[in-house]
């Protein structure tokens, strides 16, 4: 975000919180959403990998058990 936007809002009378709420947050929102999108996808992959490693229930366990008994439909939809 450009510092010019903060100074422009301050010259129009925006104080600390108003400047933060109306200038800084909307300027940072695309980066916040992109970070959440990446972190949620990584968290899902790590969750399934951890369940595959040694869980007694969950999606990873369902995939692993279906693979062992040749349940291809349940394995791919798991």
PDB file of N, CA and C in Angstrom:
ATOM      1  N   UNK A   1       0.835  -1.173   0.000  1.00  0.00           N
ATOM      2  CA  UNK A   1       0.000   0.000   0.000  1.00  0.00           C
ATOM      3  C   UNK A   1       0.881   1.238   0.000  1.00  0.00           C
ATOM      4  N   UNK A   2       0.470   2.192  -0.745  1.00  0.00           N
ATOM      5  CA  UNK A   2       1.240   3.418  -0.862  1.00  0.00           C
ATOM      6  C   UNK A   2       1.056   4.301   0.374  1.00  0.00           C
ATOM      7  N   UNK A   3       2.124   4.877   0.898  1.00  0.00           N
ATOM      8  CA  UNK A   3       1.987   5.808   2.032  1.00  0.00           C
ATOM      9  C   UNK A   3       1.193   7.060   1.652  1.00  0.00           C
ATOM     10  N   UNK A   4       1.122   7.324   0.368  1.00  0.00           N
ATOM     11  CA  UNK A   4       0.367   8.483  -0.100  1.00  0.00           C
ATOM     12  C   UNK A   4      -1.110   8.361   0.254  1.00  0.00           C
ATOM     13  N   UNK A   5      -1.653   7.134   0.224  1.00  0.00           N
ATOM     14  CA  UNK A   5      -3.066   6.943   0.570  1.00  0.00           C
ATOM     15  C   UNK A   5      -3.323   7.273   2.037  1.00  0.00           C
ATOM     16  N   UNK A   6      -2.422   6.866   2.911  1.00  0.00           N
ATOM     17  CA  UNK A   6      -2.565   7.189   4.330  1.00  0.00           C
ATOM     18  C   UNK A   6      -2.483   8.672   4.598  1.00  0.00           C
ATOM     19  N   UNK A   7      -1.565   9.320   3.922  1.00  0.00           N
ATOM     20  CA  UNK A   7      -1.448  10.777   4.097  1.00  0.00           C
ATOM     21  C   UNK A   7      -2.649  11.506   3.521  1.00  0.00           C
ATOM     22  N   UNK A   8      -3.192  11.000   2.408  1.00  0.00           N
ATOM     23  CA  UNK A   8      -4.381  11.631   1.814  1.00  0.00           C
ATOM     24  C   UNK A   8      -5.574  11.494   2.751  1.00  0.00           C
ATOM     25  N   UNK A   9      -5.733  10.319   3.360  1.00  0.00           N
ATOM     26  CA  UNK A   9      -6.835  10.133   4.306  1.00  0.00           C
ATOM     27  C   UNK A   9      -6.641  11.007   5.536  1.00  0.00           C
ATOM     28  N   UNK A  10      -5.407  11.145   5.994  1.00  0.00           N
ATOM     29  CA  UNK A  10      -5.139  12.004   7.151  1.00  0.00           C
ATOM     30  C   UNK A  10      -5.416  13.468   6.833  1.00  0.00           C
ATOM     31  N   UNK A  11      -5.121  13.886   5.621  1.00  0.00           N
ATOM     32  CA  UNK A  11      -5.398  15.278   5.255  1.00  0.00           C
ATOM     33  C   UNK A  11      -6.892  15.548   5.123  1.00  0.00           C
ATOM     34  N   UNK A  12      -7.667  14.493   4.910  1.00  0.00           N
ATOM     35  CA  UNK A  12      -9.123  14.645   4.841  1.00  0.00           C
ATOM     36  C   UNK A  12      -9.783  14.482   6.204  1.00  0.00           C
ATOM     37  N   UNK A  13      -8.981  14.306   7.256  1.00  0.00           N
ATOM     38  CA  UNK A  13      -9.507  14.283   8.609  1.00  0.00           C
ATOM     39  C   UNK A  13      -9.627  12.909   9.231  1.00  0.00           C
ATOM     40  N   UNK A  14      -9.114  11.878   8.591  1.00  0.00           N
ATOM     41  CA  UNK A  14      -9.181  10.537   9.165  1.00  0.00           C
ATOM     42  C   UNK A  14      -8.130  10.401  10.253  1.00  0.00           C
ATOM     43  N   UNK A  15      -8.562   9.992  11.429  1.00  0.00           N
ATOM     44  CA  UNK A  15      -7.644   9.793  12.540  1.00  0.00           C
ATOM     45  C   UNK A  15      -6.998   8.424  12.468  1.00  0.00           C
ATOM     46  N   UNK A  16      -6.432   7.973  13.587  1.00  0.00           N
ATOM     47  CA  UNK A  16      -5.709   6.712  13.633  1.00  0.00           C
ATOM     48  C   UNK A  16      -6.571   5.503  13.296  1.00  0.00           C
ATOM     49  N   UNK A  17      -7.661   5.320  14.052  1.00  0.00           N
ATOM     50  CA  UNK A  17      -8.507   4.151  13.822  1.00  0.00           C
ATOM     51  C   UNK A  17      -9.266   4.243  12.509  1.00  0.00           C
ATOM     52  N   UNK A  18      -9.735   5.420  12.180  1.00  0.00           N
ATOM     53  CA  UNK A  18     -10.486   5.576  10.927  1.00  0.00           C
ATOM     54  C   UNK A  18      -9.570   5.359   9.726  1.00  0.00           C
ATOM     55  N   UNK A  19      -8.351   5.825   9.824  1.00  0.00           N
ATOM     56  CA  UNK A  19      -7.362   5.598   8.773  1.00  0.00           C
ATOM     57  C   UNK A  19      -7.065   4.100   8.637  1.00  0.00           C
ATOM     58  N   UNK A  20      -6.938   3.434   9.779  1.00  0.00           N
ATOM     59  CA  UNK A  20      -6.675   2.005   9.766  1.00  0.00           C
ATOM     60  C   UNK A  20      -7.854   1.227   9.173  1.00  0.00           C
ATOM     61  N   UNK A  21      -9.062   1.579   9.586  1.00  0.00           N
ATOM     62  CA  UNK A  21     -10.247   0.821   9.164  1.00  0.00           C
ATOM     63  C   UNK A  21     -10.613   1.068   7.714  1.00  0.00           C
ATOM     64  N   UNK A  22     -10.398   2.263   7.204  1.00  0.00           N
ATOM     65  CA  UNK A  22     -10.858   2.595   5.856  1.00  0.00           C
ATOM     66  C   UNK A  22      -9.763   2.628   4.803  1.00  0.00           C
ATOM     67  N   UNK A  23      -8.488   2.607   5.222  1.00  0.00           N
ATOM     68  CA  UNK A  23      -7.399   2.670   4.250  1.00  0.00           C
ATOM     69  C   UNK A  23      -6.506   1.431   4.336  1.00  0.00           C
ATOM     70  N   UNK A  24      -6.026   1.117   5.534  1.00  0.00           N
ATOM     71  CA  UNK A  24      -5.045   0.041   5.678  1.00  0.00           C
ATOM     72  C   UNK A  24      -5.686  -1.333   5.477  1.00  0.00           C
ATOM     73  N   UNK A  25      -6.808  -1.586   6.145  1.00  0.00           N
ATOM     74  CA  UNK A  25      -7.462  -2.896   6.025  1.00  0.00           C
ATOM     75  C   UNK A  25      -7.919  -3.177   4.591  1.00  0.00           C
ATOM     76  N   UNK A  26      -8.629  -2.275   3.913  1.00  0.00           N
ATOM     77  CA  UNK A  26      -8.989  -2.578   2.520  1.00  0.00           C
ATOM     78  C   UNK A  26      -7.779  -2.745   1.603  1.00  0.00           C
ATOM     79  N   UNK A  27      -6.681  -2.070   1.898  1.00  0.00           N
ATOM     80  CA  UNK A  27      -5.478  -2.221   1.087  1.00  0.00           C
ATOM     81  C   UNK A  27      -4.794  -3.562   1.305  1.00  0.00           C
ATOM     82  N   UNK A  28      -4.915  -4.098   2.517  1.00  0.00           N
ATOM     83  CA  UNK A  28      -4.261  -5.360   2.840  1.00  0.00           C
ATOM     84  C   UNK A  28      -5.162  -6.570   2.633  1.00  0.00           C
ATOM     85  N   UNK A  29      -6.450  -6.353   2.424  1.00  0.00           N
ATOM     86  CA  UNK A  29      -7.402  -7.458   2.330  1.00  0.00           C
ATOM     87  C   UNK A  29      -7.094  -8.474   1.228  1.00  0.00           C
ATOM     88  N   UNK A  30      -6.677  -8.076   0.025  1.00  0.00           N
ATOM     89  CA  UNK A  30      -6.342  -9.104  -0.970  1.00  0.00           C
ATOM     90  C   UNK A  30      -5.193 -10.013  -0.539  1.00  0.00           C
ATOM     91  N   UNK A  31      -4.221  -9.469   0.152  1.00  0.00           N
ATOM     92  CA  UNK A  31      -3.098 -10.275   0.629  1.00  0.00           C
ATOM     93  C   UNK A  31      -3.518 -11.184   1.783  1.00  0.00           C
ATOM     94  N   UNK A  32      -4.407 -10.707   2.626  1.00  0.00           N
ATOM     95  CA  UNK A  32      -4.912 -11.519   3.725  1.00  0.00           C
ATOM     96  C   UNK A  32      -5.696 -12.704   3.179  1.00  0.00           C
ATOM     97  N   UNK A  33      -6.560 -12.465   2.199  1.00  0.00           N
ATOM     98  CA  UNK A  33      -7.368 -13.537   1.618  1.00  0.00           C
ATOM     99  C   UNK A  33      -6.484 -14.540   0.882  1.00  0.00           C
ATOM    100  N   UNK A  34      -5.482 -14.069   0.168  1.00  0.00           N
ATOM    101  CA  UNK A  34      -4.568 -14.985  -0.524  1.00  0.00           C
ATOM    102  C   UNK A  34      -3.800 -15.844   0.473  1.00  0.00           C
ATOM    103  N   UNK A  35      -3.373 -15.267   1.581  1.00  0.00           N
ATOM    104  CA  UNK A  35      -2.678 -16.036   2.607  1.00  0.00           C
ATOM    105  C   UNK A  35      -3.571 -17.079   3.248  1.00  0.00           C
ATOM    106  N   UNK A  36      -4.828 -16.732   3.493  1.00  0.00           N
ATOM    107  CA  UNK A  36      -5.767 -17.704   4.046  1.00  0.00           C
ATOM    108  C   UNK A  36      -6.027 -18.839   3.075  1.00  0.00           C
ATOM    109  N   UNK A  37      -6.126 -18.510   1.809  1.00  0.00           N
ATOM    110  CA  UNK A  37      -6.377 -19.536   0.788  1.00  0.00           C
ATOM    111  C   UNK A  37      -5.230 -20.541   0.718  1.00  0.00           C
ATOM    112  N   UNK A  38      -4.013 -20.049   0.734  1.00  0.00           N
ATOM    113  CA  UNK A  38      -2.846 -20.932   0.680  1.00  0.00           C
ATOM    114  C   UNK A  38      -2.732 -21.744   1.966  1.00  0.00           C
ATOM    115  N   UNK A  39      -2.916 -21.108   3.102  1.00  0.00           N
ATOM    116  CA  UNK A  39      -2.740 -21.811   4.373  1.00  0.00           C
ATOM    117  C   UNK A  39      -3.816 -22.871   4.586  1.00  0.00           C
ATOM    118  N   UNK A  40      -5.042 -22.626   4.136  1.00  0.00           N
ATOM    119  CA  UNK A  40      -6.081 -23.634   4.292  1.00  0.00           C
ATOM    120  C   UNK A  40      -5.829 -24.854   3.418  1.00  0.00           C
ATOM    121  N   UNK A  41      -5.333 -24.645   2.211  1.00  0.00           N
ATOM    122  CA  UNK A  41      -5.046 -25.790   1.350  1.00  0.00           C
ATOM    123  C   UNK A  41      -3.871 -26.603   1.895  1.00  0.00           C
ATOM    124  N   UNK A  42      -2.855 -25.941   2.404  1.00  0.00           N
ATOM    125  CA  UNK A  42      -1.717 -26.652   3.003  1.00  0.00           C
ATOM    126  C   UNK A  42      -2.165 -27.398   4.261  1.00  0.00           C
ATOM    127  N   UNK A  43      -3.022 -26.780   5.053  1.00  0.00           N
ATOM    128  CA  UNK A  43      -3.501 -27.430   6.267  1.00  0.00           C
ATOM    129  C   UNK A  43      -4.302 -28.684   5.944  1.00  0.00           C
ATOM    130  N   UNK A  44      -5.100 -28.656   4.895  1.00  0.00           N
ATOM    131  CA  UNK A  44      -5.878 -29.830   4.507  1.00  0.00           C
ATOM    132  C   UNK A  44      -4.970 -30.966   4.045  1.00  0.00           C
ATOM    133  N   UNK A  45      -3.951 -30.653   3.264  1.00  0.00           N
ATOM    134  CA  UNK A  45      -3.013 -31.676   2.800  1.00  0.00           C
ATOM    135  C   UNK A  45      -2.248 -32.275   3.981  1.00  0.00           C
ATOM    136  N   UNK A  46      -1.814 -31.447   4.900  1.00  0.00           N
ATOM    137  CA  UNK A  46      -1.079 -31.939   6.069  1.00  0.00           C
ATOM    138  C   UNK A  46      -1.988 -32.787   6.957  1.00  0.00           C
ATOM    139  N   UNK A  47      -3.248 -32.405   7.077  1.00  0.00           N
ATOM    140  CA  UNK A  47      -4.193 -33.175   7.871  1.00  0.00           C
ATOM    141  C   UNK A  47      -4.378 -34.580   7.315  1.00  0.00           C
ATOM    142  N   UNK A  48      -4.596 -34.695   6.014  1.00  0.00           N
ATOM    143  CA  UNK A  48      -4.775 -36.008   5.396  1.00  0.00           C
ATOM    144  C   UNK A  48      -3.474 -36.820   5.488  1.00  0.00           C
ATOM    145  N   UNK A  49      -2.339 -36.172   5.289  1.00  0.00           N
ATOM    146  CA  UNK A  49      -1.064 -36.884   5.398  1.00  0.00           C
ATOM    147  C   UNK A  49      -0.828 -37.393   6.818  1.00  0.00           C
ATOM    148  N   UNK A  50      -1.188 -36.617   7.813  1.00  0.00           N
ATOM    149  CA  UNK A  50      -1.029 -37.050   9.201  1.00  0.00           C
ATOM    150  C   UNK A  50      -1.971 -38.198   9.519  1.00  0.00           C
ATOM    151  N   UNK A  51      -3.175 -38.165   8.958  1.00  0.00           N
ATOM    152  CA  UNK A  51      -4.104 -39.268   9.180  1.00  0.00           C
ATOM    153  C   UNK A  51      -3.632 -40.529   8.474  1.00  0.00           C
ATOM    154  N   UNK A  52      -3.000 -40.377   7.326  1.00  0.00           N
ATOM    155  CA  UNK A  52      -2.461 -41.544   6.635  1.00  0.00           C
ATOM    156  C   UNK A  52      -1.323 -42.174   7.432  1.00  0.00           C
ATOM    157  N   UNK A  53      -0.580 -41.347   8.156  1.00  0.00           N
ATOM    158  CA  UNK A  53       0.587 -41.841   8.886  1.00  0.00           C
ATOM    159  C   UNK A  53       0.217 -42.703  10.079  1.00  0.00           C
ATOM    160  N   UNK A  54      -0.848 -42.375  10.779  1.00  0.00           N
ATOM    161  CA  UNK A  54      -1.125 -43.198  11.955  1.00  0.00           C
ATOM    162  C   UNK A  54      -2.381 -42.834  12.701  1.00  0.00           C
ATOM    163  N   UNK A  55      -3.497 -42.776  12.035  1.00  0.00           N
ATOM    164  CA  UNK A  55      -4.745 -42.482  12.716  1.00  0.00           C
ATOM    165  C   UNK A  55      -5.655 -43.703  12.682  1.00  0.00           C
ATOM    166  N   UNK A  56      -6.572 -43.769  13.620  1.00  0.00           N
ATOM    167  CA  UNK A  56      -7.524 -44.875  13.678  1.00  0.00           C
ATOM    168  C   UNK A  56      -8.879 -44.484  13.096  1.00  0.00           C
ATOM    169  N   UNK A  57      -9.038 -43.228  12.711  1.00  0.00           N
ATOM    170  CA  UNK A  57     -10.274 -42.773  12.082  1.00  0.00           C
ATOM    171  C   UNK A  57      -9.977 -41.504  11.304  1.00  0.00           C
ATOM    172  N   UNK A  58     -10.869 -41.125  10.435  1.00  0.00           N
ATOM    173  CA  UNK A  58     -10.699 -39.921   9.629  1.00  0.00           C
ATOM    174  C   UNK A  58     -10.587 -40.234   8.153  1.00  0.00           C
ATOM    175  N   UNK A  59     -10.380 -39.200   7.360  1.00  0.00           N
ATOM    176  CA  UNK A  59     -10.333 -39.341   5.909  1.00  0.00           C
ATOM    177  C   UNK A  59      -9.110 -40.144   5.477  1.00  0.00           C
ATOM    178  N   UNK A  60      -7.961 -39.871   6.071  1.00  0.00           N
ATOM    179  CA  UNK A  60      -6.757 -40.607   5.715  1.00  0.00           C
ATOM    180  C   UNK A  60      -6.874 -42.081   6.041  1.00  0.00           C
ATOM    181  N   UNK A  61      -7.464 -42.399   7.183  1.00  0.00           N
ATOM    182  CA  UNK A  61      -7.674 -43.798   7.556  1.00  0.00           C
ATOM    183  C   UNK A  61      -8.637 -44.472   6.576  1.00  0.00           C
ATOM    184  N   UNK A  62      -9.705 -43.785   6.185  1.00  0.00           N
ATOM    185  CA  UNK A  62     -10.654 -44.332   5.225  1.00  0.00           C
ATOM    186  C   UNK A  62      -9.992 -44.624   3.882  1.00  0.00           C
ATOM    187  N   UNK A  63      -9.156 -43.717   3.421  1.00  0.00           N
ATOM    188  CA  UNK A  63      -8.438 -43.926   2.155  1.00  0.00           C
ATOM    189  C   UNK A  63      -7.497 -45.117   2.270  1.00  0.00           C
ATOM    190  N   UNK A  64      -6.778 -45.204   3.369  1.00  0.00           N
ATOM    191  CA  UNK A  64      -5.805 -46.284   3.545  1.00  0.00           C
ATOM    192  C   UNK A  64      -6.504 -47.642   3.643  1.00  0.00           C
ATOM    193  N   UNK A  65      -7.582 -47.734   4.392  1.00  0.00           N
ATOM    194  CA  UNK A  65      -8.292 -49.009   4.523  1.00  0.00           C
ATOM    195  C   UNK A  65      -8.965 -49.405   3.209  1.00  0.00           C
ATOM    196  N   UNK A  66      -9.495 -48.449   2.482  1.00  0.00           N
ATOM    197  CA  UNK A  66     -10.122 -48.744   1.194  1.00  0.00           C
ATOM    198  C   UNK A  66      -9.082 -49.216   0.183  1.00  0.00           C
ATOM    199  N   UNK A  67      -7.883 -48.682   0.261  1.00  0.00           N
ATOM    200  CA  UNK A  67      -6.818 -49.101  -0.635  1.00  0.00           C
ATOM    201  C   UNK A  67      -6.399 -50.541  -0.336  1.00  0.00           C
ATOM    202  N   UNK A  68      -6.386 -50.912   0.922  1.00  0.00           N
ATOM    203  CA  UNK A  68      -5.962 -52.263   1.296  1.00  0.00           C
ATOM    204  C   UNK A  68      -6.968 -53.332   0.890  1.00  0.00           C
ATOM    205  N   UNK A  69      -8.261 -52.975   0.828  1.00  0.00           N
ATOM    206  CA  UNK A  69      -9.288 -53.964   0.455  1.00  0.00           C
ATOM    207  C   UNK A  69      -9.780 -53.737  -0.981  1.00  0.00           C
ATOM    208  N   UNK A  70      -9.020 -52.972  -1.745  1.00  0.00           N
ATOM    209  CA  UNK A  70      -9.316 -52.693  -3.154  1.00  0.00           C
ATOM    210  C   UNK A  70     -10.679 -52.017  -3.351  1.00  0.00           C
ATOM    211  N   UNK A  71     -11.043 -51.141  -2.461  1.00  0.00           N
ATOM    212  CA  UNK A  71     -12.276 -50.374  -2.608  1.00  0.00           C
ATOM    213  C   UNK A  71     -11.989 -49.095  -3.367  1.00  0.00           C
ATOM    214  N   UNK A  72     -11.909 -49.206  -4.674  1.00  0.00           N
ATOM    215  CA  UNK A  72     -11.446 -48.071  -5.492  1.00  0.00           C
ATOM    216  C   UNK A  72     -12.415 -46.898  -5.453  1.00  0.00           C
ATOM    217  N   UNK A  73     -13.712 -47.158  -5.388  1.00  0.00           N
ATOM    218  CA  UNK A  73     -14.668 -46.050  -5.349  1.00  0.00           C
ATOM    219  C   UNK A  73     -14.557 -45.297  -4.035  1.00  0.00           C
ATOM    220  N   UNK A  74     -14.497 -46.019  -2.938  1.00  0.00           N
ATOM    221  CA  UNK A  74     -14.389 -45.370  -1.633  1.00  0.00           C
ATOM    222  C   UNK A  74     -13.014 -44.702  -1.485  1.00  0.00           C
ATOM    223  N   UNK A  75     -11.990 -45.290  -2.058  1.00  0.00           N
ATOM    224  CA  UNK A  75     -10.634 -44.733  -1.971  1.00  0.00           C
ATOM    225  C   UNK A  75     -10.545 -43.407  -2.715  1.00  0.00           C
ATOM    226  N   UNK A  76     -11.155 -43.322  -3.888  1.00  0.00           N
ATOM    227  CA  UNK A  76     -11.064 -42.080  -4.660  1.00  0.00           C
ATOM    228  C   UNK A  76     -12.013 -41.014  -4.146  1.00  0.00           C
ATOM    229  N   UNK A  77     -13.130 -41.392  -3.535  1.00  0.00           N
ATOM    230  CA  UNK A  77     -14.070 -40.385  -3.030  1.00  0.00           C
ATOM    231  C   UNK A  77     -13.756 -40.003  -1.600  1.00  0.00           C
ATOM    232  N   UNK A  78     -12.948 -40.793  -0.903  1.00  0.00           N
ATOM    233  CA  UNK A  78     -12.622 -40.588   0.505  1.00  0.00           C
ATOM    234  C   UNK A  78     -12.073 -39.259   0.763  1.00  0.00           C
TER     235      UNK A  78
END
